[in-house]
Protein backbone atom coordinates (compact mmCIF):
# COMPACT_ATOMS: atom_id res chain seq x y z
CA MET A 1 -44.94 13.55 -11.80
CA LYS A 2 -42.96 10.96 -13.68
CA LYS A 3 -40.83 13.69 -15.25
CA TYR A 4 -40.05 14.96 -11.55
CA PHE A 5 -39.12 11.50 -10.52
CA PHE A 6 -36.89 10.68 -13.53
CA LEU A 7 -35.06 14.06 -12.91
CA PHE A 8 -34.57 13.08 -9.10
CA PHE A 9 -33.30 9.77 -10.13
CA ILE A 10 -30.73 11.17 -12.41
CA ILE A 11 -29.28 13.51 -9.94
CA LEU A 12 -29.18 10.87 -7.29
CA PHE A 13 -27.30 8.42 -9.62
CA SER A 14 -25.16 11.36 -10.60
CA SER A 15 -24.28 12.03 -7.12
CA PHE A 16 -23.49 8.47 -6.22
CA CYS A 17 -21.15 7.99 -9.33
CA PHE A 18 -19.26 11.37 -8.22
CA LEU A 19 -19.13 10.03 -4.56
CA ASP A 20 -17.89 6.41 -5.79
CA SER A 21 -14.94 7.86 -7.73
CA GLU A 22 -13.54 9.20 -4.56
CA VAL A 23 -11.11 6.27 -4.06
CA GLU A 24 -9.82 6.46 -7.58
CA ASP A 25 -9.40 10.03 -7.40
CA TYR A 26 -7.47 9.46 -4.21
CA VAL A 27 -5.25 6.74 -5.64
CA ASN A 28 -4.28 8.83 -8.66
CA ALA A 29 -3.66 12.00 -6.61
CA GLN A 30 -1.17 10.21 -4.15
CA HIS A 31 0.42 8.32 -7.23
CA GLU A 32 1.16 11.80 -8.77
CA LYS A 33 2.82 13.07 -5.73
CA ILE A 34 4.78 10.16 -5.20
CA PHE A 35 6.13 9.67 -8.81
CA SER A 36 6.72 13.48 -8.86
CA PHE A 37 9.00 13.13 -5.75
CA LEU A 38 10.78 10.27 -7.35
CA ASN A 39 11.56 12.12 -10.41
CA GLU A 40 12.41 15.39 -8.27
CA LYS A 41 14.48 13.65 -5.90
CA ALA A 42 16.39 10.79 -8.04
CA ASP A 43 19.96 12.61 -6.93
CA LEU A 44 19.07 12.81 -3.47
CA LEU A 45 18.80 8.93 -3.32
CA GLU A 46 22.52 8.77 -4.26
CA LYS A 47 23.54 11.76 -2.14
CA ASP A 48 21.70 11.12 1.10
CA LYS A 49 19.66 7.88 1.27
CA ASP A 50 18.62 8.30 4.94
CA LEU A 51 17.20 11.71 3.90
CA PHE A 52 15.71 10.50 0.69
CA LEU A 53 13.54 7.78 2.77
CA ASP A 54 12.60 10.02 5.14
CA GLU A 55 11.00 12.19 2.63
CA PHE A 56 9.75 9.35 0.76
CA GLU A 57 7.88 8.18 3.84
CA GLU A 58 5.65 11.51 4.11
CA LYS A 59 4.56 10.91 0.47
CA PHE A 60 4.30 6.90 0.44
CA SER A 61 2.49 6.73 3.84
CA LYS A 62 -0.53 8.78 2.56
CA LEU A 63 -1.25 5.76 0.32
CA ILE A 64 0.43 2.81 1.93
CA PRO A 65 0.95 3.24 5.50
CA PRO A 66 3.96 0.99 6.80
CA GLU A 67 2.44 0.66 10.38
CA GLU A 68 -0.95 -0.68 9.01
CA ILE A 69 1.00 -3.46 6.70
CA SER A 70 3.62 -4.21 9.41
CA LYS A 71 0.32 -5.08 11.78
CA ARG A 72 -0.80 -7.39 9.10
CA VAL A 73 2.42 -8.97 8.39
CA MET A 74 2.97 -9.74 12.10
CA GLY A 75 -0.08 -11.87 12.04
CA LYS A 76 -3.12 -11.41 14.40
CA LYS A 77 -1.82 -14.38 16.83
CA THR A 78 1.74 -12.90 17.16
CA PHE A 79 0.38 -9.12 16.83
CA THR A 80 -1.93 -9.88 20.20
CA LYS A 81 1.00 -11.84 21.81
CA ALA A 82 3.82 -9.06 21.22
CA SER A 83 4.69 -6.30 23.67
CA LYS A 84 4.28 -2.58 22.58
CA SER A 85 7.97 -2.22 22.51
CA GLN A 86 8.09 -5.29 20.20
CA ILE A 87 5.53 -4.23 18.04
CA SER A 88 7.11 -0.60 18.09
CA ARG A 89 10.43 -2.25 17.05
CA PHE A 90 9.05 -4.15 14.15
CA ASN A 91 7.10 -1.32 12.95
CA GLU A 92 10.45 0.53 12.65
CA LYS A 93 12.34 -2.32 10.81
CA PHE A 94 9.59 -3.09 8.72
CA LYS A 95 8.87 0.73 7.78
CA ASN A 96 12.77 1.01 6.81
CA THR A 97 12.81 -2.11 4.59
CA LEU A 98 9.49 -1.52 3.21
CA LEU A 99 10.49 2.02 2.16
CA ASP A 100 13.69 1.14 0.88
CA SER A 101 12.21 -1.65 -1.41
CA TYR A 102 9.15 0.21 -2.91
CA SER A 103 11.34 3.46 -3.55
CA GLY A 104 13.78 1.37 -5.64
CA ALA A 105 10.79 -0.50 -7.41
CA LEU A 106 8.63 2.44 -8.19
CA SER A 107 11.95 4.38 -9.41
CA ASN A 108 12.06 2.12 -12.23
CA ILE A 109 8.43 2.75 -13.34
CA ASP A 110 6.95 5.65 -15.13
CA ALA A 111 3.95 7.34 -13.78
CA ALA A 112 2.43 7.24 -17.17
CA ASN A 113 2.54 3.42 -17.05
CA ILE A 114 0.53 3.05 -14.30
CA SER A 115 -3.30 3.45 -14.52
CA ILE A 116 -6.50 2.42 -12.81
CA GLU A 117 -8.72 -0.07 -14.71
CA SER A 118 -11.57 -0.34 -12.05
CA HIS A 119 -12.51 -0.73 -8.22
CA PHE A 120 -15.45 -2.11 -6.40
CA HIS A 121 -16.48 -2.20 -2.98
CA PRO A 122 -16.62 -5.75 -1.37
CA ASN A 123 -19.91 -6.92 0.41
CA GLU A 124 -21.23 -3.42 -0.81
CA ARG A 125 -19.32 -1.85 2.19
CA MET A 126 -18.30 1.93 1.37
CA ASP A 127 -15.36 1.85 3.48
CA LEU A 128 -13.71 -0.67 1.73
CA ALA A 129 -12.53 -0.94 -1.84
CA VAL A 130 -10.45 -2.99 -4.08
CA VAL A 131 -8.60 -1.08 -6.84
CA GLN A 132 -7.52 -2.80 -9.73
CA LEU A 133 -4.56 -1.19 -11.65
CA ASN A 134 -2.34 -2.05 -14.76
CA THR A 135 1.27 -1.26 -15.02
CA GLU A 136 4.03 -1.90 -17.25
CA PHE A 137 7.86 -2.09 -17.24
CA SER A 138 10.29 -2.67 -19.62
CA GLY A 139 7.57 -3.97 -22.10
CA ARG A 140 6.03 -6.22 -19.51
CA LYS A 141 2.48 -5.57 -18.37
CA PHE A 142 1.51 -6.28 -14.70
CA LYS A 143 -1.77 -6.50 -12.72
CA LEU A 144 -1.77 -4.57 -9.40
CA ILE A 145 -4.51 -4.58 -6.82
CA TYR A 146 -4.85 -2.46 -3.87
CA LYS A 147 -6.77 -3.72 -0.95
CA MET A 148 -8.20 -0.12 0.52
CA LYS A 149 -9.83 0.66 3.65
CA LYS A 150 -10.89 3.91 5.38
CA ILE A 151 -8.88 4.23 8.44
CA LYS A 152 -9.31 6.89 11.07
CA ILE A 153 -6.46 9.12 11.01
CA GLU A 154 -6.68 12.01 13.89
CA ASP A 155 -10.18 13.50 13.37
CA SER A 156 -11.49 11.99 9.86
CA LYS A 157 -11.32 8.71 8.10
CA ASN A 158 -8.94 8.53 4.90
CA TRP A 159 -8.40 5.82 2.34
CA ARG A 160 -5.04 3.69 2.72
CA VAL A 161 -3.83 0.46 1.08
CA VAL A 162 -3.85 -2.18 3.56
CA GLY A 163 -3.29 -5.03 1.15
CA ILE A 164 -1.34 -5.20 -2.14
CA VAL A 165 -1.33 -8.18 -4.86
CA LEU A 166 1.16 -7.91 -7.45
CA ASP A 167 0.39 -10.19 -10.73
CA GLY A 168 -1.39 -12.47 -8.46
CA ILE A 169 0.88 -12.79 -5.45
CA ASP A 170 -0.45 -11.37 -2.23
CA ILE A 171 2.63 -9.28 -1.11
CA VAL A 172 1.38 -8.98 2.47
CA SER A 173 0.54 -12.97 2.84
CA LEU A 174 4.13 -13.25 1.48
CA TYR A 175 5.73 -11.06 4.03
CA ARG A 176 3.83 -12.76 6.93
CA LYS A 177 4.69 -16.29 5.71
CA GLN A 178 8.50 -14.61 5.65
CA PHE A 179 8.13 -13.72 9.30
CA ALA A 180 6.26 -16.54 10.61
CA ASN A 181 9.22 -18.72 9.08
CA LEU A 182 11.64 -16.19 11.14
CA VAL A 183 9.74 -16.88 14.28
CA THR A 184 9.68 -20.66 13.83
CA ASP A 185 13.47 -20.53 12.95
CA ASN A 186 14.26 -18.79 16.05
CA ASN A 187 12.26 -21.00 18.42
CA ASP A 188 9.36 -18.53 18.80
CA ASN A 189 12.05 -15.96 20.19
CA LEU A 190 10.02 -12.81 18.78
CA ASP A 191 12.93 -10.50 19.63
CA ARG A 192 15.24 -12.41 17.47
CA ALA A 193 12.83 -12.96 14.68
CA ILE A 194 12.25 -9.08 14.38
CA GLU A 195 15.82 -8.51 14.58
CA SER A 196 16.42 -10.98 11.68
CA TRP A 197 13.62 -9.35 9.41
CA SER A 198 14.50 -7.92 6.06
CA ILE A 199 12.44 -8.05 2.73
CA GLU A 200 13.26 -10.63 0.16
CA GLU A 201 15.08 -8.80 -2.74
CA ASP A 202 12.79 -10.50 -5.18
CA SER A 203 9.35 -9.86 -3.71
CA LEU A 204 9.03 -6.56 -5.91
CA ASN A 205 11.01 -7.71 -8.60
CA PHE A 206 9.67 -6.07 -11.87
CA GLU A 207 12.49 -7.72 -13.98
CA ASP A 208 11.97 -11.40 -13.90
């Protein structure tokens, strides 16, 4: 009886470990697609930047969806007060600047120099994950954290990054503060704040 219980435990534990590798497998697969695209389409960036960004969005959004990040950048208070038109315009403006910024930053990193160190599920929620990664650029090592969530997309739930921490700097919080300052500087005129939006050049600077 003890033997069967032990075998059952081993099978159950092995199944759990296999399922728990899902988030890491997903991140690795998406990284491979993103970096393969950047390597294959390097010339396109110079020839037709708009086309490059359109194609890059398809790969990038499978890991980091701009609309999920933009919602968090607006902040709950502003997001709930904003009209559908304002949300849509900010999504588009934010998406374009995010893709432009990230494509430039990632183009300078070799896929071999980014690897997953570990992950955990906060509060034992299997629909949330914190993935800790290591990356290296020009001999300097960086710590990268993806805050991930299973989000319903069409008929199924899929892993997506909803927060990014680079070397201890919470990128989403940085952008949220930047946008809040724009709203304040424009006397709470959300339309003008949206029009003024741009991502600060040094927010993803790997060279300093």
